[in-house]
Amino acid sequence: MSELHQRIAASFNAQGLMTTLGARLVLVQDGEVHIELPFSPHLTQQQGFVHAGVVTSIVDNACGYAALTRSPPGCEVVTAEFKTNFMRPAIGARFLAVGRVQNAGRMLTVCTGEVRAFAGDGPQYKLVALMQATMVNVPANA
């Protein structure tokens, strides 16, 4: 495991929300992070779809950790803003949130994210949501 992956994984594993949701970190590379979430009836809204708050949480984290791969040493990131478009109900056996850095500056990093819904183990998916997010570099331990 690379030093970059270890850094991101340590932060991810310290998040209680990701543990509560059952999400796991599946890919870390420079400027891109993937987070997987299995379907659980405990994460649904009243119509049986995965709740928008859950979908938003995993893609916000994917964008945030993608930004963290580009942040200066000694920094962490926090979300300054995001916009999420939901394309269809979150129905699937598993979901994959993909966060990508589009531009990394000294203070702000602009990311895009998407959430994919998979019916099974195959590569076919449906796009559930798109996100544009701005992350802010902050000193670690602040």
C-alpha atoms as a PDB file:
ATOM      1  CA  MET A   1       0.000   0.000   0.000  1.00  0.00           C
ATOM      2  CA  SER A   2       1.418   3.363  -1.021  1.00  0.00           C
ATOM      3  CA  GLU A   3       2.062   6.177   1.434  1.00  0.00           C
ATOM      4  CA  LEU A   4      -0.731   8.184  -0.238  1.00  0.00           C
ATOM      5  CA  HIS A   5      -3.206   5.314   0.175  1.00  0.00           C
ATOM      6  CA  GLN A   6      -2.162   4.866   3.827  1.00  0.00           C
ATOM      7  CA  ARG A   7      -2.702   8.577   4.536  1.00  0.00           C
ATOM      8  CA  ILE A   8      -6.171   8.581   2.978  1.00  0.00           C
ATOM      9  CA  ALA A   9      -7.133   5.245   4.562  1.00  0.00           C
ATOM     10  CA  ALA A  10      -6.127   6.445   8.041  1.00  0.00           C
ATOM     11  CA  SER A  11      -8.402   9.464   7.732  1.00  0.00           C
ATOM     12  CA  PHE A  12     -11.227   7.433   6.169  1.00  0.00           C
ATOM     13  CA  ASN A  13     -11.049   4.809   8.931  1.00  0.00           C
ATOM     14  CA  ALA A  14     -11.313   7.544  11.568  1.00  0.00           C
ATOM     15  CA  GLN A  15     -14.717   8.610  10.238  1.00  0.00           C
ATOM     16  CA  GLY A  16     -17.576   7.203  12.245  1.00  0.00           C
ATOM     17  CA  LEU A  17     -20.130   7.973   9.531  1.00  0.00           C
ATOM     18  CA  MET A  18     -18.442   5.834   6.890  1.00  0.00           C
ATOM     19  CA  THR A  19     -18.281   2.944   9.370  1.00  0.00           C
ATOM     20  CA  THR A  20     -21.948   3.428  10.273  1.00  0.00           C
ATOM     21  CA  LEU A  21     -22.947   3.386   6.603  1.00  0.00           C
ATOM     22  CA  GLY A  22     -20.818   0.328   5.822  1.00  0.00           C
ATOM     23  CA  ALA A  23     -18.791   2.184   3.190  1.00  0.00           C
ATOM     24  CA  ARG A  24     -15.271   1.155   2.269  1.00  0.00           C
ATOM     25  CA  LEU A  25     -12.373   2.793   0.505  1.00  0.00           C
ATOM     26  CA  VAL A  26     -11.611   0.835  -2.675  1.00  0.00           C
ATOM     27  CA  LEU A  27      -9.273   3.029  -4.744  1.00  0.00           C
ATOM     28  CA  VAL A  28      -6.870   5.847  -3.988  1.00  0.00           C
ATOM     29  CA  GLN A  29      -4.706   7.446  -6.632  1.00  0.00           C
ATOM     30  CA  ASP A  30      -3.443  10.930  -7.285  1.00  0.00           C
ATOM     31  CA  GLY A  31      -6.543  13.082  -7.797  1.00  0.00           C
ATOM     32  CA  GLU A  32      -9.092  10.245  -7.655  1.00  0.00           C
ATOM     33  CA  VAL A  33     -10.784   8.238  -4.903  1.00  0.00           C
ATOM     34  CA  HIS A  34     -13.469   5.525  -5.038  1.00  0.00           C
ATOM     35  CA  ILE A  35     -15.753   4.587  -2.133  1.00  0.00           C
ATOM     36  CA  GLU A  36     -18.025   1.546  -2.298  1.00  0.00           C
ATOM     37  CA  LEU A  37     -21.281   1.067  -0.405  1.00  0.00           C
ATOM     38  CA  PRO A  38     -23.328  -2.131  -0.309  1.00  0.00           C
ATOM     39  CA  PHE A  39     -27.101  -1.802  -0.292  1.00  0.00           C
ATOM     40  CA  SER A  40     -28.695  -2.002   3.151  1.00  0.00           C
ATOM     41  CA  PRO A  41     -32.382  -1.572   3.992  1.00  0.00           C
ATOM     42  CA  HIS A  42     -31.177   0.494   6.984  1.00  0.00           C
ATOM     43  CA  LEU A  43     -30.030   3.211   4.552  1.00  0.00           C
ATOM     44  CA  THR A  44     -33.287   3.666   2.651  1.00  0.00           C
ATOM     45  CA  GLN A  45     -35.947   6.310   2.598  1.00  0.00           C
ATOM     46  CA  GLN A  46     -39.689   5.569   2.758  1.00  0.00           C
ATOM     47  CA  GLN A  47     -39.901   4.305  -0.847  1.00  0.00           C
ATOM     48  CA  GLY A  48     -37.042   1.821  -0.485  1.00  0.00           C
ATOM     49  CA  PHE A  49     -34.350   3.766  -2.352  1.00  0.00           C
ATOM     50  CA  VAL A  50     -31.020   4.542  -0.703  1.00  0.00           C
ATOM     51  CA  HIS A  51     -31.543   7.915   0.969  1.00  0.00           C
ATOM     52  CA  ALA A  52     -30.218  11.035  -0.771  1.00  0.00           C
ATOM     53  CA  GLY A  53     -28.313  11.919   2.407  1.00  0.00           C
ATOM     54  CA  VAL A  54     -26.400   8.636   2.161  1.00  0.00           C
ATOM     55  CA  VAL A  55     -25.677   9.114  -1.552  1.00  0.00           C
ATOM     56  CA  THR A  56     -24.488  12.652  -0.886  1.00  0.00           C
ATOM     57  CA  SER A  57     -22.326  11.536   2.039  1.00  0.00           C
ATOM     58  CA  ILE A  58     -20.357   8.968   0.081  1.00  0.00           C
ATOM     59  CA  VAL A  59     -19.758  11.205  -2.946  1.00  0.00           C
ATOM     60  CA  ASP A  60     -18.834  14.182  -0.728  1.00  0.00           C
ATOM     61  CA  ASN A  61     -16.253  11.936   0.941  1.00  0.00           C
ATOM     62  CA  ALA A  62     -14.946  10.652  -2.398  1.00  0.00           C
ATOM     63  CA  CYS A  63     -14.477  14.254  -3.569  1.00  0.00           C
ATOM     64  CA  GLY A  64     -12.922  15.287  -0.260  1.00  0.00           C
ATOM     65  CA  TYR A  65     -10.431  12.445  -0.258  1.00  0.00           C
ATOM     66  CA  ALA A  66      -9.584  13.063  -3.915  1.00  0.00           C
ATOM     67  CA  ALA A  67      -8.798  16.651  -2.878  1.00  0.00           C
ATOM     68  CA  LEU A  68      -6.729  15.390   0.052  1.00  0.00           C
ATOM     69  CA  THR A  69      -4.489  13.483  -2.391  1.00  0.00           C
ATOM     70  CA  ARG A  70      -3.472  16.886  -3.777  1.00  0.00           C
ATOM     71  CA  SER A  71      -3.391  18.915  -0.561  1.00  0.00           C
ATOM     72  CA  PRO A  72      -0.118  20.340   0.764  1.00  0.00           C
ATOM     73  CA  PRO A  73       1.718  18.459   3.527  1.00  0.00           C
ATOM     74  CA  GLY A  74       0.307  19.198   6.976  1.00  0.00           C
ATOM     75  CA  CYS A  75      -3.168  19.954   5.625  1.00  0.00           C
ATOM     76  CA  GLU A  76      -6.533  18.307   5.725  1.00  0.00           C
ATOM     77  CA  VAL A  77      -9.594  19.324   3.721  1.00  0.00           C
ATOM     78  CA  VAL A  78     -13.128  20.361   4.567  1.00  0.00           C
ATOM     79  CA  THR A  79     -16.054  20.897   2.245  1.00  0.00           C
ATOM     80  CA  ALA A  80     -16.835  24.534   1.449  1.00  0.00           C
ATOM     81  CA  GLU A  81     -19.780  23.805  -0.845  1.00  0.00           C
ATOM     82  CA  PHE A  82     -21.310  21.230  -3.123  1.00  0.00           C
ATOM     83  CA  LYS A  83     -24.127  20.813  -5.598  1.00  0.00           C
ATOM     84  CA  THR A  84     -25.658  17.416  -6.223  1.00  0.00           C
ATOM     85  CA  ASN A  85     -27.903  16.427  -9.099  1.00  0.00           C
ATOM     86  CA  PHE A  86     -29.845  13.197  -8.653  1.00  0.00           C
ATOM     87  CA  MET A  87     -30.450  11.451 -11.995  1.00  0.00           C
ATOM     88  CA  ARG A  88     -32.575   8.555 -10.794  1.00  0.00           C
ATOM     89  CA  PRO A  89     -33.512   6.712  -7.593  1.00  0.00           C
ATOM     90  CA  ALA A  90     -30.596   4.974  -5.876  1.00  0.00           C
ATOM     91  CA  ILE A  91     -31.558   1.358  -6.553  1.00  0.00           C
ATOM     92  CA  GLY A  92     -28.882  -1.314  -6.679  1.00  0.00           C
ATOM     93  CA  ALA A  93     -26.994  -4.056  -4.906  1.00  0.00           C
ATOM     94  CA  ARG A  94     -23.973  -1.794  -4.444  1.00  0.00           C
ATOM     95  CA  PHE A  95     -22.947   1.775  -5.137  1.00  0.00           C
ATOM     96  CA  LEU A  96     -19.640   3.336  -6.118  1.00  0.00           C
ATOM     97  CA  ALA A  97     -18.818   6.979  -5.450  1.00  0.00           C
ATOM     98  CA  VAL A  98     -16.020   8.338  -7.634  1.00  0.00           C
ATOM     99  CA  GLY A  99     -14.387  11.649  -6.730  1.00  0.00           C
ATOM    100  CA  ARG A 100     -11.976  13.425  -9.070  1.00  0.00           C
ATOM    101  CA  VAL A 101      -9.935  16.597  -8.748  1.00  0.00           C
ATOM    102  CA  GLN A 102     -10.543  19.038 -11.576  1.00  0.00           C
ATOM    103  CA  ASN A 103      -8.329  21.852 -10.264  1.00  0.00           C
ATOM    104  CA  ALA A 104      -6.176  22.070  -7.142  1.00  0.00           C
ATOM    105  CA  GLY A 105      -5.061  25.505  -5.966  1.00  0.00           C
ATOM    106  CA  ARG A 106      -3.257  26.670  -2.838  1.00  0.00           C
ATOM    107  CA  MET A 107      -6.448  26.960  -0.774  1.00  0.00           C
ATOM    108  CA  LEU A 108      -9.322  25.573  -2.848  1.00  0.00           C
ATOM    109  CA  THR A 109      -9.735  22.351  -4.777  1.00  0.00           C
ATOM    110  CA  VAL A 110     -12.618  21.882  -7.212  1.00  0.00           C
ATOM    111  CA  CYS A 111     -13.796  18.304  -7.630  1.00  0.00           C
ATOM    112  CA  THR A 112     -16.451  16.410  -9.507  1.00  0.00           C
ATOM    113  CA  GLY A 113     -18.062  13.235  -8.317  1.00  0.00           C
ATOM    114  CA  GLU A 114     -20.509  10.632  -9.436  1.00  0.00           C
ATOM    115  CA  VAL A 115     -22.393   7.785  -7.822  1.00  0.00           C
ATOM    116  CA  ARG A 116     -22.907   4.618  -9.814  1.00  0.00           C
ATOM    117  CA  ALA A 117     -25.501   1.942  -8.984  1.00  0.00           C
ATOM    118  CA  PHE A 118     -24.665  -1.683  -9.826  1.00  0.00           C
ATOM    119  CA  ALA A 119     -27.325  -4.385  -9.959  1.00  0.00           C
ATOM    120  CA  GLY A 120     -24.734  -7.143  -9.477  1.00  0.00           C
ATOM    121  CA  ASP A 121     -21.030  -7.871  -9.757  1.00  0.00           C
ATOM    122  CA  GLY A 122     -20.757  -6.974 -13.443  1.00  0.00           C
ATOM    123  CA  PRO A 123     -19.382  -3.747 -14.900  1.00  0.00           C
ATOM    124  CA  GLN A 124     -22.761  -2.347 -16.006  1.00  0.00           C
ATOM    125  CA  TYR A 125     -24.072   0.511 -13.891  1.00  0.00           C
ATOM    126  CA  LYS A 126     -26.558   3.349 -13.889  1.00  0.00           C
ATOM    127  CA  LEU A 127     -25.559   6.871 -12.931  1.00  0.00           C
ATOM    128  CA  VAL A 128     -27.460   7.919  -9.802  1.00  0.00           C
ATOM    129  CA  ALA A 129     -25.952  11.304  -8.948  1.00  0.00           C
ATOM    130  CA  LEU A 130     -23.424  13.926 -10.027  1.00  0.00           C
ATOM    131  CA  MET A 131     -21.654  16.343  -7.686  1.00  0.00           C
ATOM    132  CA  GLN A 132     -19.523  19.428  -8.057  1.00  0.00           C
ATOM    133  CA  ALA A 133     -17.699  20.305  -4.855  1.00  0.00           C
ATOM    134  CA  THR A 134     -15.212  22.835  -3.543  1.00  0.00           C
ATOM    135  CA  MET A 135     -12.826  21.708  -0.817  1.00  0.00           C
ATOM    136  CA  VAL A 136     -10.713  23.985   1.377  1.00  0.00           C
ATOM    137  CA  ASN A 137      -7.224  23.116   2.646  1.00  0.00           C
ATOM    138  CA  VAL A 138      -7.004  23.599   6.402  1.00  0.00           C
ATOM    139  CA  PRO A 139      -4.103  22.986   8.795  1.00  0.00           C
ATOM    140  CA  ALA A 140      -4.179  19.486  10.287  1.00  0.00           C
ATOM    141  CA  ASN A 141      -5.152  19.345  13.971  1.00  0.00           C
ATOM    142  CA  ALA A 142      -6.793  22.772  13.770  1.00  0.00           C
END
